[in-house]
Protein backbone atom coordinates (compact mmCIF):
# COMPACT_ATOMS: atom_id res chain seq x y z
CA UNK A 1 55.24 -72.24 -87.56
CA UNK A 2 52.31 -74.52 -87.77
CA UNK A 3 53.11 -76.55 -90.88
CA UNK A 4 55.54 -79.38 -90.21
CA UNK A 5 57.35 -79.15 -93.57
CA UNK A 6 57.98 -75.44 -93.26
CA UNK A 7 59.14 -75.87 -89.69
CA UNK A 8 61.65 -78.53 -90.73
CA UNK A 9 63.01 -76.27 -93.51
CA UNK A 10 63.38 -73.28 -91.22
CA UNK A 11 66.93 -72.43 -90.22
CA UNK A 12 67.86 -71.17 -86.75
CA UNK A 13 68.36 -67.75 -88.37
CA UNK A 14 64.79 -67.83 -89.69
CA UNK A 15 63.47 -68.72 -86.25
CA UNK A 16 65.54 -65.97 -84.65
CA UNK A 17 64.29 -63.44 -87.21
CA UNK A 18 60.65 -64.50 -86.66
CA UNK A 19 61.09 -64.34 -82.87
CA UNK A 20 62.67 -60.91 -83.12
CA UNK A 21 59.82 -59.68 -85.36
CA UNK A 22 57.22 -61.03 -82.91
CA UNK A 23 58.90 -59.43 -79.92
CA UNK A 24 59.29 -56.14 -81.79
CA UNK A 25 55.60 -56.16 -82.75
CA UNK A 26 54.59 -56.89 -79.16
CA UNK A 27 56.72 -54.03 -77.87
CA UNK A 28 55.16 -51.74 -80.49
CA UNK A 29 51.65 -52.80 -79.47
CA UNK A 30 52.36 -52.22 -75.79
CA UNK A 31 53.90 -48.80 -76.54
CA UNK A 32 50.84 -47.85 -78.61
CA UNK A 33 48.44 -48.92 -75.85
CA UNK A 34 50.40 -46.87 -73.31
CA UNK A 35 50.45 -43.85 -75.63
CA UNK A 36 46.70 -44.06 -76.25
CA UNK A 37 46.04 -44.28 -72.51
CA UNK A 38 48.37 -41.33 -71.86
CA UNK A 39 46.67 -39.22 -74.54
CA UNK A 40 43.29 -40.02 -73.04
CA UNK A 41 44.54 -38.98 -69.62
CA UNK A 42 45.95 -35.73 -71.00
CA UNK A 43 42.71 -34.99 -72.90
CA UNK A 44 40.68 -35.57 -69.73
CA UNK A 45 42.91 -33.23 -67.73
CA UNK A 46 42.80 -30.56 -70.44
CA UNK A 47 39.00 -30.79 -70.51
CA UNK A 48 38.83 -30.49 -66.72
CA UNK A 49 41.12 -27.46 -66.78
CA UNK A 50 39.10 -25.89 -69.58
CA UNK A 51 35.85 -26.38 -67.67
CA UNK A 52 37.37 -24.84 -64.53
CA UNK A 53 38.70 -21.91 -66.55
CA UNK A 54 35.36 -21.31 -68.26
CA UNK A 55 33.54 -21.42 -64.92
CA UNK A 56 36.00 -18.94 -63.42
CA UNK A 57 35.50 -16.61 -66.40
CA UNK A 58 31.72 -16.95 -66.10
CA UNK A 59 31.88 -16.06 -62.39
CA UNK A 60 34.00 -13.00 -63.16
CA UNK A 61 31.65 -11.91 -65.96
CA UNK A 62 28.68 -12.34 -63.65
CA UNK A 63 30.37 -10.25 -60.95
CA UNK A 64 31.12 -7.51 -63.47
CA UNK A 65 27.57 -7.65 -64.81
CA UNK A 66 26.12 -7.33 -61.31
CA UNK A 67 28.39 -4.35 -60.58
CA UNK A 68 27.41 -2.71 -63.87
CA UNK A 69 23.70 -3.25 -63.26
CA UNK A 70 24.05 -1.84 -59.76
CA UNK A 71 25.89 1.22 -61.09
CA UNK A 72 23.26 1.77 -63.79
CA UNK A 73 20.45 1.42 -61.25
CA UNK A 74 22.11 4.00 -58.98
CA UNK A 75 22.49 6.43 -61.90
CA UNK A 76 18.86 5.93 -62.92
CA UNK A 77 17.74 6.55 -59.35
CA UNK A 78 19.84 9.73 -59.14
CA UNK A 79 18.34 11.02 -62.39
CA UNK A 80 14.84 10.19 -61.22
CA UNK A 81 15.42 12.00 -57.93
CA UNK A 82 16.77 15.07 -59.75
CA UNK A 83 13.74 15.15 -62.07
CA UNK A 84 11.34 14.79 -59.16
CA UNK A 85 13.16 17.56 -57.30
CA UNK A 86 12.90 19.82 -60.37
CA UNK A 87 9.18 19.18 -60.52
CA UNK A 88 8.74 20.06 -56.86
């Protein structure tokens, strides 16, 4: 308490209550800061995992696409060879 008159009127119970409220608020603030930091850490890890997962899926899709294109090219070549052979 900053005001002398109020400080003189304050009972030990009032001071104890004010001290307890201050300590409780400080604990709450520290807990909140820790929680915010933990959430940020979890969000960062989730984002990293998501990026890795997306990249893995992209690689797999690309592999499948390359295999499909190769298969289609082989089929086109076979058809072209058959048509040329028919013409000969």
